[in-house]
Amino acid sequence: MSAHAITAKSRVTPGMKGGGGPHPQETPPAEDGVGGTGPRETWNPTKGWAAGPLTAIVVVSLLVSGFFLAYAIIIL
């Protein structure tokens, strides 16, 4: 018997239509998401506290850039 004479049977999964997908009654419902899974955060302020850290970052960056500028001027 040659290799061409052997034909594979078509595989049919139980519960599947000819189109390849499960029946509509067998599909699980869609997920709602994870939006409300945690506890409600009422203690965390949404705005008003960001000015302090932003000011600190700006001041430190200006000090560092001023140091390097003064160092470059002294070297030249």
N, C-alpha and C. Protein backbone atom coordinates (compact mmCIF):
# COMPACT_ATOMS: atom_id res chain seq x y z
N MET A 1 0.83 -1.17 0.00
CA MET A 1 0.00 0.00 0.00
C MET A 1 0.88 1.24 0.00
N SER A 2 0.60 2.17 -0.87
CA SER A 2 1.42 3.37 -0.95
C SER A 2 0.92 4.43 0.04
N ALA A 3 1.75 5.41 0.25
CA ALA A 3 1.39 6.47 1.20
C ALA A 3 0.23 7.30 0.69
N HIS A 4 0.06 7.36 -0.61
CA HIS A 4 -1.04 8.15 -1.17
C HIS A 4 -2.37 7.44 -1.03
N ALA A 5 -2.35 6.16 -0.85
CA ALA A 5 -3.59 5.41 -0.73
C ALA A 5 -4.21 5.57 0.65
N ILE A 6 -3.41 5.92 1.66
CA ILE A 6 -3.93 6.07 3.02
C ILE A 6 -4.51 7.47 3.15
N THR A 7 -5.75 7.56 3.49
CA THR A 7 -6.40 8.86 3.67
C THR A 7 -6.75 9.02 5.13
N ALA A 8 -6.54 10.20 5.64
CA ALA A 8 -6.87 10.47 7.03
C ALA A 8 -8.36 10.74 7.15
N LYS A 9 -8.94 10.24 8.23
CA LYS A 9 -10.35 10.53 8.49
C LYS A 9 -10.47 11.99 8.90
N SER A 10 -11.57 12.58 8.54
CA SER A 10 -11.79 13.94 9.00
C SER A 10 -12.12 13.90 10.48
N ARG A 11 -11.46 14.73 11.22
CA ARG A 11 -11.66 14.72 12.67
C ARG A 11 -12.86 15.58 13.02
N VAL A 12 -13.76 15.02 13.75
CA VAL A 12 -14.96 15.73 14.15
C VAL A 12 -14.99 15.78 15.67
N THR A 13 -15.00 16.97 16.20
CA THR A 13 -15.07 17.14 17.64
C THR A 13 -16.53 17.08 18.07
N PRO A 14 -16.84 16.31 19.11
CA PRO A 14 -18.23 16.24 19.56
C PRO A 14 -18.74 17.60 19.99
N GLY A 15 -19.96 17.91 19.64
CA GLY A 15 -20.58 19.18 20.02
C GLY A 15 -20.23 20.32 19.09
N MET A 16 -19.54 20.06 18.03
CA MET A 16 -19.14 21.11 17.10
C MET A 16 -19.95 21.00 15.82
N LYS A 17 -20.33 22.15 15.30
CA LYS A 17 -21.02 22.16 14.01
C LYS A 17 -19.98 22.03 12.90
N GLY A 18 -20.45 21.95 11.69
CA GLY A 18 -19.53 21.85 10.56
C GLY A 18 -18.68 23.09 10.39
N GLY A 19 -19.12 24.25 10.89
CA GLY A 19 -18.38 25.49 10.76
C GLY A 19 -17.17 25.57 11.67
N GLY A 20 -17.10 24.75 12.67
CA GLY A 20 -15.93 24.72 13.53
C GLY A 20 -16.11 25.39 14.87
N GLY A 21 -17.16 26.11 15.09
CA GLY A 21 -17.35 26.78 16.37
C GLY A 21 -18.37 26.06 17.23
N PRO A 22 -18.40 26.34 18.52
CA PRO A 22 -19.40 25.72 19.39
C PRO A 22 -20.78 26.31 19.13
N HIS A 23 -21.79 25.61 19.60
CA HIS A 23 -23.16 26.09 19.47
C HIS A 23 -23.31 27.37 20.29
N PRO A 24 -24.19 28.28 19.89
CA PRO A 24 -24.36 29.52 20.65
C PRO A 24 -24.78 29.27 22.10
N GLN A 25 -25.50 28.20 22.36
CA GLN A 25 -25.93 27.92 23.73
C GLN A 25 -24.77 27.43 24.59
N GLU A 26 -23.68 26.99 23.98
CA GLU A 26 -22.56 26.43 24.73
C GLU A 26 -21.46 27.45 25.03
N THR A 27 -21.57 28.64 24.48
CA THR A 27 -20.52 29.63 24.73
C THR A 27 -20.76 30.30 26.08
N PRO A 28 -19.68 30.58 26.83
CA PRO A 28 -19.84 31.25 28.12
C PRO A 28 -20.18 32.72 27.93
N PRO A 29 -20.79 33.35 28.91
CA PRO A 29 -21.10 34.78 28.78
C PRO A 29 -19.81 35.60 28.83
N ALA A 30 -19.87 36.78 28.26
CA ALA A 30 -18.71 37.66 28.24
C ALA A 30 -18.44 38.19 29.65
N GLU A 31 -17.16 38.52 29.92
CA GLU A 31 -16.80 39.06 31.22
C GLU A 31 -17.15 40.54 31.28
N ASP A 32 -17.46 41.00 32.48
CA ASP A 32 -17.80 42.40 32.68
C ASP A 32 -16.55 43.27 32.76
N GLY A 33 -15.43 42.72 33.15
CA GLY A 33 -14.21 43.48 33.32
C GLY A 33 -13.78 43.46 34.78
N VAL A 34 -12.78 44.24 35.11
CA VAL A 34 -12.27 44.25 36.47
C VAL A 34 -12.39 45.64 37.10
N GLY A 35 -13.31 46.44 36.62
CA GLY A 35 -13.44 47.80 37.12
C GLY A 35 -13.85 47.91 38.56
N GLY A 36 -14.71 47.08 39.05
CA GLY A 36 -15.20 47.21 40.41
C GLY A 36 -14.77 46.09 41.32
N THR A 37 -13.57 45.57 41.12
CA THR A 37 -13.16 44.41 41.92
C THR A 37 -12.59 44.78 43.27
N GLY A 38 -12.02 45.94 43.41
CA GLY A 38 -11.39 46.31 44.67
C GLY A 38 -12.30 47.14 45.54
N PRO A 39 -11.82 47.46 46.75
CA PRO A 39 -12.63 48.31 47.63
C PRO A 39 -12.66 49.75 47.13
N ARG A 40 -13.65 50.46 47.53
CA ARG A 40 -13.78 51.85 47.10
C ARG A 40 -12.77 52.70 47.85
N GLU A 41 -11.99 53.50 47.12
CA GLU A 41 -10.97 54.33 47.73
C GLU A 41 -11.52 55.73 47.96
N THR A 42 -11.86 56.02 49.19
CA THR A 42 -12.40 57.35 49.51
C THR A 42 -11.37 58.21 50.22
N TRP A 43 -10.28 57.63 50.72
CA TRP A 43 -9.29 58.38 51.48
C TRP A 43 -8.23 59.01 50.60
N ASN A 44 -8.09 58.59 49.36
CA ASN A 44 -7.04 59.08 48.48
C ASN A 44 -7.52 60.32 47.74
N PRO A 45 -6.92 61.48 48.00
CA PRO A 45 -7.36 62.67 47.28
C PRO A 45 -6.99 62.58 45.80
N THR A 46 -7.85 63.09 44.95
CA THR A 46 -7.62 62.97 43.52
C THR A 46 -6.74 64.08 42.97
N LYS A 47 -6.70 65.24 43.62
CA LYS A 47 -5.84 66.32 43.14
C LYS A 47 -5.49 67.23 44.31
N GLY A 48 -4.52 68.08 44.09
CA GLY A 48 -4.14 69.04 45.11
C GLY A 48 -2.82 68.71 45.78
N TRP A 49 -2.36 67.48 45.76
CA TRP A 49 -1.11 67.11 46.41
C TRP A 49 0.04 67.04 45.43
N ALA A 50 -0.19 67.17 44.13
CA ALA A 50 0.86 67.01 43.14
C ALA A 50 1.76 68.24 43.04
N ALA A 51 1.37 69.38 43.55
CA ALA A 51 2.19 70.59 43.44
C ALA A 51 3.46 70.48 44.27
N GLY A 52 3.41 69.86 45.41
CA GLY A 52 4.59 69.72 46.28
C GLY A 52 5.69 68.88 45.64
N PRO A 53 5.40 67.64 45.22
CA PRO A 53 6.45 66.85 44.58
C PRO A 53 6.95 67.47 43.28
N LEU A 54 6.08 68.09 42.52
CA LEU A 54 6.50 68.72 41.27
C LEU A 54 7.45 69.89 41.55
N THR A 55 7.16 70.67 42.57
CA THR A 55 8.03 71.78 42.95
C THR A 55 9.39 71.27 43.40
N ALA A 56 9.41 70.19 44.18
CA ALA A 56 10.67 69.61 44.64
C ALA A 56 11.50 69.11 43.47
N ILE A 57 10.88 68.47 42.51
CA ILE A 57 11.60 67.97 41.34
C ILE A 57 12.18 69.12 40.53
N VAL A 58 11.41 70.18 40.35
CA VAL A 58 11.89 71.34 39.58
C VAL A 58 13.06 72.01 40.30
N VAL A 59 12.97 72.17 41.61
CA VAL A 59 14.04 72.83 42.37
C VAL A 59 15.32 72.01 42.31
N VAL A 60 15.22 70.70 42.50
CA VAL A 60 16.41 69.84 42.44
C VAL A 60 17.02 69.86 41.04
N SER A 61 16.19 69.82 40.00
CA SER A 61 16.73 69.87 38.63
C SER A 61 17.43 71.19 38.36
N LEU A 62 16.87 72.29 38.83
CA LEU A 62 17.52 73.59 38.62
C LEU A 62 18.84 73.66 39.38
N LEU A 63 18.89 73.12 40.57
CA LEU A 63 20.14 73.12 41.33
C LEU A 63 21.22 72.28 40.64
N VAL A 64 20.84 71.11 40.15
CA VAL A 64 21.80 70.24 39.46
C VAL A 64 22.28 70.89 38.17
N SER A 65 21.35 71.44 37.39
CA SER A 65 21.76 72.08 36.13
C SER A 65 22.61 73.33 36.40
N GLY A 66 22.29 74.08 37.45
CA GLY A 66 23.10 75.24 37.82
C GLY A 66 24.50 74.83 38.24
N PHE A 67 24.63 73.73 38.98
CA PHE A 67 25.95 73.23 39.37
C PHE A 67 26.78 72.89 38.15
N PHE A 68 26.20 72.15 37.19
CA PHE A 68 26.96 71.76 36.02
C PHE A 68 27.29 72.97 35.13
N LEU A 69 26.40 73.94 35.08
CA LEU A 69 26.68 75.16 34.31
C LEU A 69 27.85 75.94 34.94
N ALA A 70 27.82 76.08 36.26
CA ALA A 70 28.91 76.78 36.95
C ALA A 70 30.22 76.00 36.80
N TYR A 71 30.17 74.70 36.87
CA TYR A 71 31.37 73.87 36.70
C TYR A 71 31.94 74.03 35.30
N ALA A 72 31.07 74.08 34.29
CA ALA A 72 31.53 74.24 32.91
C ALA A 72 32.15 75.63 32.71
N ILE A 73 31.60 76.66 33.35
CA ILE A 73 32.14 78.00 33.22
C ILE A 73 33.51 78.10 33.91
N ILE A 74 33.67 77.44 35.05
CA ILE A 74 34.94 77.48 35.78
C ILE A 74 36.03 76.76 34.98
N ILE A 75 35.68 75.66 34.34
CA ILE A 75 36.66 74.91 33.58
C ILE A 75 37.13 75.70 32.36
N LEU A 76 36.22 76.40 31.71
CA LEU A 76 36.61 77.16 30.51
C LEU A 76 37.43 78.34 30.92
